[in-house]
């Protein structure tokens, strides 16, 4: 049995949808939206046999869906591999860069302090003369 539902869409989005339907093999909006929804569900359904992301790791829904899709497409073999690679390639690079930037800032500040100390010593010597 089919059910009728309502869907609110902006004029701009509806233009995009209608344009897509006109260029592809869909008989109407309902057929397109049904296929799109089912494709989305299929794309982001966790692959069978894969570990669920551990409860203690909190991920935004979009990121979790993206990882799920990448596992399904074979880019990662499971959640553990995906998380390890993302941490290794993404977070660590970001953290290392932040630490390098902090080190550079501290080093620059240290150099400025040494210069100021040197100027203060020279001024002190000059005042003694």
N, C-alpha and C. Protein backbone atom coordinates (compact mmCIF):
# COMPACT_ATOMS: atom_id res chain seq x y z
N UNK A 1 0.84 -1.18 0.00
CA UNK A 1 0.00 0.00 0.00
C UNK A 1 0.88 1.24 0.00
N UNK A 2 0.58 2.17 -0.85
CA UNK A 2 1.34 3.41 -0.93
C UNK A 2 0.68 4.48 -0.08
N UNK A 3 1.51 5.33 0.54
CA UNK A 3 1.03 6.45 1.35
C UNK A 3 1.46 7.74 0.70
N UNK A 4 0.65 8.74 0.84
CA UNK A 4 0.96 10.06 0.32
C UNK A 4 1.55 10.89 1.45
N UNK A 5 2.65 11.60 1.16
CA UNK A 5 3.26 12.49 2.15
C UNK A 5 3.43 13.88 1.54
N UNK A 6 3.57 14.86 2.40
CA UNK A 6 3.81 16.23 1.93
C UNK A 6 5.28 16.54 2.13
N UNK A 7 5.80 17.39 1.26
CA UNK A 7 7.20 17.78 1.35
C UNK A 7 7.32 19.24 0.98
N UNK A 8 7.94 20.01 1.84
CA UNK A 8 8.16 21.43 1.55
C UNK A 8 9.54 21.58 0.94
N UNK A 9 9.60 22.28 -0.20
CA UNK A 9 10.86 22.49 -0.92
C UNK A 9 10.87 23.94 -1.41
N UNK A 10 12.02 24.57 -1.30
CA UNK A 10 12.12 25.95 -1.79
C UNK A 10 11.98 25.97 -3.32
N UNK A 11 11.62 27.13 -3.83
CA UNK A 11 11.50 27.28 -5.29
C UNK A 11 12.81 26.93 -5.99
N UNK A 12 13.92 27.37 -5.42
CA UNK A 12 15.23 27.11 -6.02
C UNK A 12 15.52 25.61 -6.05
N UNK A 13 15.26 24.92 -4.94
CA UNK A 13 15.50 23.48 -4.89
C UNK A 13 14.59 22.74 -5.87
N UNK A 14 13.37 23.18 -5.96
CA UNK A 14 12.42 22.54 -6.88
C UNK A 14 12.88 22.71 -8.33
N UNK A 15 13.43 23.86 -8.66
CA UNK A 15 13.97 24.07 -10.01
C UNK A 15 15.10 23.10 -10.30
N UNK A 16 15.98 22.90 -9.31
CA UNK A 16 17.10 21.97 -9.48
C UNK A 16 16.57 20.55 -9.68
N UNK A 17 15.60 20.16 -8.85
CA UNK A 17 15.01 18.83 -8.95
C UNK A 17 14.35 18.63 -10.31
N UNK A 18 13.53 19.59 -10.71
CA UNK A 18 12.84 19.47 -12.00
C UNK A 18 13.82 19.42 -13.17
N UNK A 19 14.86 20.18 -13.09
CA UNK A 19 15.89 20.17 -14.14
C UNK A 19 16.56 18.80 -14.22
N UNK A 20 16.85 18.23 -13.05
CA UNK A 20 17.47 16.91 -13.01
C UNK A 20 16.54 15.85 -13.59
N UNK A 21 15.27 15.91 -13.18
CA UNK A 21 14.26 14.96 -13.68
C UNK A 21 14.15 15.04 -15.20
N UNK A 22 14.18 16.26 -15.73
CA UNK A 22 14.05 16.45 -17.19
C UNK A 22 15.23 15.84 -17.94
N UNK A 23 16.42 15.84 -17.32
CA UNK A 23 17.61 15.32 -17.99
C UNK A 23 17.80 13.82 -17.78
N UNK A 24 17.04 13.23 -16.88
CA UNK A 24 17.22 11.81 -16.57
C UNK A 24 15.90 11.06 -16.75
N UNK A 25 15.95 9.77 -16.54
CA UNK A 25 14.83 8.91 -16.84
C UNK A 25 13.88 8.73 -15.65
N UNK A 26 13.23 9.83 -15.25
CA UNK A 26 12.22 9.76 -14.19
C UNK A 26 10.91 10.26 -14.77
N UNK A 27 9.83 9.56 -14.43
CA UNK A 27 8.54 9.95 -15.02
C UNK A 27 7.90 11.12 -14.26
N UNK A 28 8.25 11.30 -12.96
CA UNK A 28 7.67 12.40 -12.19
C UNK A 28 8.50 12.66 -10.93
N UNK A 29 8.11 13.68 -10.19
CA UNK A 29 8.83 14.05 -8.96
C UNK A 29 8.77 12.94 -7.92
N UNK A 30 7.62 12.31 -7.79
CA UNK A 30 7.47 11.25 -6.78
C UNK A 30 8.45 10.13 -7.02
N UNK A 31 8.57 9.71 -8.26
CA UNK A 31 9.50 8.62 -8.58
C UNK A 31 10.93 9.03 -8.24
N UNK A 32 11.29 10.25 -8.62
CA UNK A 32 12.64 10.74 -8.33
C UNK A 32 12.90 10.79 -6.83
N UNK A 33 11.98 11.40 -6.07
CA UNK A 33 12.19 11.55 -4.63
C UNK A 33 12.22 10.21 -3.92
N UNK A 34 11.40 9.27 -4.36
CA UNK A 34 11.40 7.92 -3.78
C UNK A 34 12.77 7.27 -4.02
N UNK A 35 13.26 7.33 -5.28
CA UNK A 35 14.56 6.75 -5.62
C UNK A 35 15.69 7.44 -4.85
N UNK A 36 15.61 8.77 -4.77
CA UNK A 36 16.65 9.53 -4.06
C UNK A 36 16.70 9.15 -2.58
N UNK A 37 15.55 9.04 -1.95
CA UNK A 37 15.50 8.69 -0.53
C UNK A 37 16.05 7.29 -0.30
N UNK A 38 15.63 6.34 -1.13
CA UNK A 38 16.10 4.96 -0.96
C UNK A 38 17.60 4.85 -1.24
N UNK A 39 18.08 5.59 -2.24
CA UNK A 39 19.52 5.60 -2.53
C UNK A 39 20.30 6.19 -1.36
N UNK A 40 19.78 7.26 -0.77
CA UNK A 40 20.43 7.87 0.38
C UNK A 40 20.50 6.88 1.54
N UNK A 41 19.40 6.21 1.81
CA UNK A 41 19.38 5.22 2.90
C UNK A 41 20.38 4.11 2.62
N UNK A 42 20.38 3.61 1.40
CA UNK A 42 21.30 2.54 1.03
C UNK A 42 22.75 2.99 1.14
N UNK A 43 23.01 4.22 0.73
CA UNK A 43 24.37 4.75 0.74
C UNK A 43 24.92 4.90 2.15
N UNK A 44 24.06 5.25 3.10
CA UNK A 44 24.52 5.52 4.46
C UNK A 44 24.13 4.46 5.47
N UNK A 45 23.67 3.32 5.00
CA UNK A 45 23.40 2.22 5.91
C UNK A 45 24.72 1.51 6.17
N UNK A 46 24.97 1.24 7.43
CA UNK A 46 26.23 0.61 7.80
C UNK A 46 26.38 -0.73 7.12
N UNK A 47 27.54 -0.98 6.51
CA UNK A 47 27.76 -2.26 5.85
C UNK A 47 27.64 -3.41 6.84
N UNK A 48 27.09 -4.51 6.37
CA UNK A 48 26.92 -5.68 7.23
C UNK A 48 28.29 -6.24 7.59
N UNK A 49 28.41 -6.70 8.83
CA UNK A 49 29.66 -7.30 9.28
C UNK A 49 30.70 -6.29 9.75
N UNK A 50 30.38 -5.02 9.71
CA UNK A 50 31.35 -4.01 10.15
C UNK A 50 31.02 -3.60 11.58
N UNK A 51 32.08 -3.30 12.32
CA UNK A 51 31.87 -2.84 13.69
C UNK A 51 31.16 -1.50 13.70
N UNK A 52 30.31 -1.31 14.67
CA UNK A 52 29.69 -0.01 14.90
C UNK A 52 30.76 0.88 15.53
N UNK A 53 30.69 2.16 15.24
CA UNK A 53 31.65 3.08 15.84
C UNK A 53 31.46 3.00 17.36
N UNK A 54 32.58 2.91 18.11
CA UNK A 54 32.47 2.76 19.56
C UNK A 54 31.64 3.87 20.19
N UNK A 55 30.87 3.52 21.21
CA UNK A 55 29.97 4.47 21.89
C UNK A 55 30.73 5.66 22.47
N UNK A 56 31.94 5.43 22.93
CA UNK A 56 32.69 6.50 23.59
C UNK A 56 33.20 7.55 22.60
N UNK A 57 33.17 7.22 21.31
CA UNK A 57 33.60 8.17 20.29
C UNK A 57 32.37 8.86 19.73
N UNK A 58 32.28 10.14 19.95
CA UNK A 58 31.14 10.92 19.47
C UNK A 58 31.51 11.59 18.16
N UNK A 59 30.71 11.34 17.13
CA UNK A 59 30.95 11.92 15.82
C UNK A 59 29.70 12.65 15.35
N UNK A 60 29.88 13.75 14.64
CA UNK A 60 28.72 14.40 14.03
C UNK A 60 28.05 13.43 13.04
N UNK A 61 26.74 13.54 12.91
CA UNK A 61 25.98 12.63 12.06
C UNK A 61 26.51 12.60 10.63
N UNK A 62 26.81 13.77 10.06
CA UNK A 62 27.30 13.81 8.68
C UNK A 62 28.62 13.08 8.54
N UNK A 63 29.53 13.24 9.52
CA UNK A 63 30.81 12.56 9.47
C UNK A 63 30.61 11.05 9.59
N UNK A 64 29.75 10.64 10.51
CA UNK A 64 29.47 9.21 10.69
C UNK A 64 28.89 8.62 9.40
N UNK A 65 27.95 9.33 8.78
CA UNK A 65 27.37 8.86 7.52
C UNK A 65 28.42 8.77 6.42
N UNK A 66 29.31 9.75 6.37
CA UNK A 66 30.35 9.74 5.35
C UNK A 66 31.30 8.57 5.54
N UNK A 67 31.69 8.32 6.78
CA UNK A 67 32.57 7.18 7.05
C UNK A 67 31.87 5.88 6.68
N UNK A 68 30.61 5.77 7.03
CA UNK A 68 29.83 4.58 6.70
C UNK A 68 29.83 4.36 5.19
N UNK A 69 29.62 5.43 4.44
CA UNK A 69 29.61 5.35 2.98
C UNK A 69 30.98 4.91 2.45
N UNK A 70 32.06 5.47 3.01
CA UNK A 70 33.41 5.10 2.57
C UNK A 70 33.73 3.64 2.88
N UNK A 71 33.21 3.13 4.00
CA UNK A 71 33.39 1.71 4.31
C UNK A 71 32.65 0.87 3.28
N UNK A 72 31.42 1.26 2.99
CA UNK A 72 30.61 0.53 2.02
C UNK A 72 31.28 0.51 0.65
N UNK A 73 31.90 1.62 0.27
CA UNK A 73 32.56 1.72 -1.04
C UNK A 73 33.92 1.01 -1.06
N UNK A 74 34.37 0.52 0.09
CA UNK A 74 35.63 -0.23 0.15
C UNK A 74 36.86 0.61 0.43
N UNK A 75 36.67 1.90 0.70
CA UNK A 75 37.82 2.75 1.00
C UNK A 75 38.46 2.35 2.34
N UNK A 76 37.63 2.02 3.30
CA UNK A 76 38.07 1.48 4.59
C UNK A 76 37.46 0.10 4.75
N UNK A 77 38.15 -0.77 5.49
CA UNK A 77 37.59 -2.11 5.69
C UNK A 77 36.63 -2.17 6.87
N UNK A 78 36.80 -1.27 7.84
CA UNK A 78 35.90 -1.22 9.00
C UNK A 78 36.05 0.12 9.71
N UNK A 79 35.25 0.30 10.76
CA UNK A 79 35.27 1.57 11.50
C UNK A 79 36.63 1.84 12.12
N UNK A 80 37.25 0.79 12.66
CA UNK A 80 38.53 0.98 13.33
C UNK A 80 39.58 1.50 12.34
N UNK A 81 39.65 0.91 11.16
CA UNK A 81 40.59 1.39 10.15
C UNK A 81 40.30 2.83 9.75
N UNK A 82 39.01 3.15 9.58
CA UNK A 82 38.62 4.50 9.18
C UNK A 82 39.04 5.51 10.24
N UNK A 83 38.73 5.23 11.48
CA UNK A 83 39.05 6.17 12.56
C UNK A 83 40.55 6.31 12.72
N UNK A 84 41.28 5.19 12.66
CA UNK A 84 42.74 5.27 12.77
C UNK A 84 43.34 6.14 11.68
N UNK A 85 42.90 5.92 10.44
CA UNK A 85 43.45 6.71 9.34
C UNK A 85 43.06 8.18 9.46
N UNK A 86 41.81 8.45 9.82
CA UNK A 86 41.38 9.84 9.96
C UNK A 86 42.15 10.55 11.06
N UNK A 87 42.39 9.86 12.16
CA UNK A 87 43.16 10.47 13.25
C UNK A 87 44.60 10.68 12.79
N UNK A 88 45.17 9.65 12.20
CA UNK A 88 46.57 9.73 11.77
C UNK A 88 46.77 10.81 10.70
N UNK A 89 45.92 10.84 9.71
CA UNK A 89 46.09 11.76 8.59
C UNK A 89 45.52 13.15 8.85
N UNK A 90 44.42 13.22 9.59
CA UNK A 90 43.77 14.50 9.78
C UNK A 90 44.14 15.17 11.08
N UNK A 91 43.72 14.56 12.16
CA UNK A 91 43.89 15.20 13.45
C UNK A 91 45.35 15.38 13.82
N UNK A 92 46.17 14.36 13.59
CA UNK A 92 47.56 14.50 13.98
C UNK A 92 48.26 15.60 13.20
N UNK A 93 47.99 15.70 11.91
CA UNK A 93 48.61 16.76 11.13
C UNK A 93 48.18 18.12 11.66
N UNK A 94 46.87 18.24 11.97
CA UNK A 94 46.38 19.50 12.52
C UNK A 94 47.03 19.81 13.85
N UNK A 95 47.11 18.80 14.74
CA UNK A 95 47.69 19.00 16.06
C UNK A 95 49.17 19.33 15.97
N UNK A 96 49.89 18.62 15.10
CA UNK A 96 51.31 18.90 14.94
C UNK A 96 51.51 20.32 14.42
N UNK A 97 50.69 20.72 13.47
CA UNK A 97 50.78 22.08 12.92
C UNK A 97 50.52 23.11 14.02
N UNK A 98 49.50 22.86 14.85
CA UNK A 98 49.20 23.78 15.94
C UNK A 98 50.39 23.87 16.91
N UNK A 99 50.98 22.70 17.24
CA UNK A 99 52.13 22.70 18.14
C UNK A 99 53.32 23.43 17.52
N UNK A 100 53.54 23.21 16.23
CA UNK A 100 54.63 23.93 15.54
C UNK A 100 54.38 25.43 15.57
N UNK A 101 53.15 25.84 15.32
CA UNK A 101 52.81 27.27 15.35
C UNK A 101 53.02 27.85 16.74
N UNK A 102 52.61 27.08 17.77
CA UNK A 102 52.80 27.55 19.14
C UNK A 102 54.30 27.66 19.47
N UNK A 103 55.07 26.67 19.04
CA UNK A 103 56.51 26.70 19.27
C UNK A 103 57.13 27.91 18.59
N UNK A 104 56.74 28.15 17.32
CA UNK A 104 57.26 29.30 16.59
C UNK A 104 56.92 30.60 17.29
N UNK A 105 55.70 30.70 17.82
CA UNK A 105 55.28 31.92 18.52
C UNK A 105 56.08 32.10 19.80
N UNK A 106 56.29 31.02 20.55
CA UNK A 106 57.07 31.10 21.79
C UNK A 106 58.52 31.46 21.46
N UNK A 107 59.06 30.85 20.41
CA UNK A 107 60.44 31.14 20.00
C UNK A 107 60.59 32.62 19.61
N UNK A 108 59.64 33.13 18.83
CA UNK A 108 59.68 34.54 18.42
C UNK A 108 59.58 35.45 19.64
N UNK A 109 58.69 35.11 20.57
CA UNK A 109 58.54 35.90 21.79
C UNK A 109 59.82 35.86 22.62
N UNK A 110 60.43 34.69 22.70
CA UNK A 110 61.68 34.54 23.44
C UNK A 110 62.78 35.40 22.83
N UNK A 111 62.85 35.41 21.49
CA UNK A 111 63.84 36.25 20.81
C UNK A 111 63.60 37.73 21.10
N UNK A 112 62.34 38.16 21.07
CA UNK A 112 62.02 39.56 21.37
C UNK A 112 62.42 39.91 22.80
N UNK A 113 62.20 38.98 23.74
CA UNK A 113 62.57 39.24 25.13
C UNK A 113 64.08 39.37 25.26
N UNK A 114 64.83 38.53 24.55
CA UNK A 114 66.29 38.62 24.60
C UNK A 114 66.77 39.95 24.03
N UNK A 115 66.15 40.38 22.93
CA UNK A 115 66.50 41.67 22.33
C UNK A 115 66.20 42.80 23.30
N UNK A 116 65.01 42.74 23.96
CA UNK A 116 64.65 43.78 24.93
C UNK A 116 65.61 43.79 26.11
N UNK A 117 66.02 42.60 26.57
CA UNK A 117 66.99 42.53 27.68
C UNK A 117 68.32 43.15 27.27
N UNK A 118 68.71 42.85 26.04
CA UNK A 118 69.97 43.41 25.53
C UNK A 118 69.90 44.92 25.45
N UNK A 119 68.80 45.45 24.94
CA UNK A 119 68.61 46.91 24.86
C UNK A 119 68.61 47.51 26.27
N UNK A 120 67.94 46.85 27.20
CA UNK A 120 67.89 47.35 28.57
C UNK A 120 69.28 47.38 29.18
N UNK A 121 70.09 46.35 28.92
CA UNK A 121 71.47 46.32 29.44
C UNK A 121 72.29 47.47 28.85
N UNK A 122 72.13 47.68 27.52
CA UNK A 122 72.87 48.75 26.86
C UNK A 122 72.46 50.11 27.42
N UNK A 123 71.15 50.29 27.63
CA UNK A 123 70.68 51.56 28.20
C UNK A 123 71.22 51.75 29.61
N UNK A 124 71.22 50.67 30.37
CA UNK A 124 71.72 50.75 31.74
C UNK A 124 73.20 51.12 31.73
N UNK A 125 74.00 50.52 30.87
CA UNK A 125 75.41 50.84 30.77
C UNK A 125 75.62 52.28 30.32
N UNK A 126 74.79 52.71 29.36
CA UNK A 126 74.90 54.08 28.85
C UNK A 126 74.59 55.09 29.96
N UNK A 127 73.57 54.78 30.77
CA UNK A 127 73.18 55.70 31.87
C UNK A 127 74.26 55.76 32.93
N UNK A 128 75.02 54.71 33.12
CA UNK A 128 76.07 54.70 34.14
C UNK A 128 77.24 55.57 33.70
N UNK A 129 77.42 55.77 32.43
CA UNK A 129 78.57 56.56 31.94
C UNK A 129 78.37 58.01 32.12
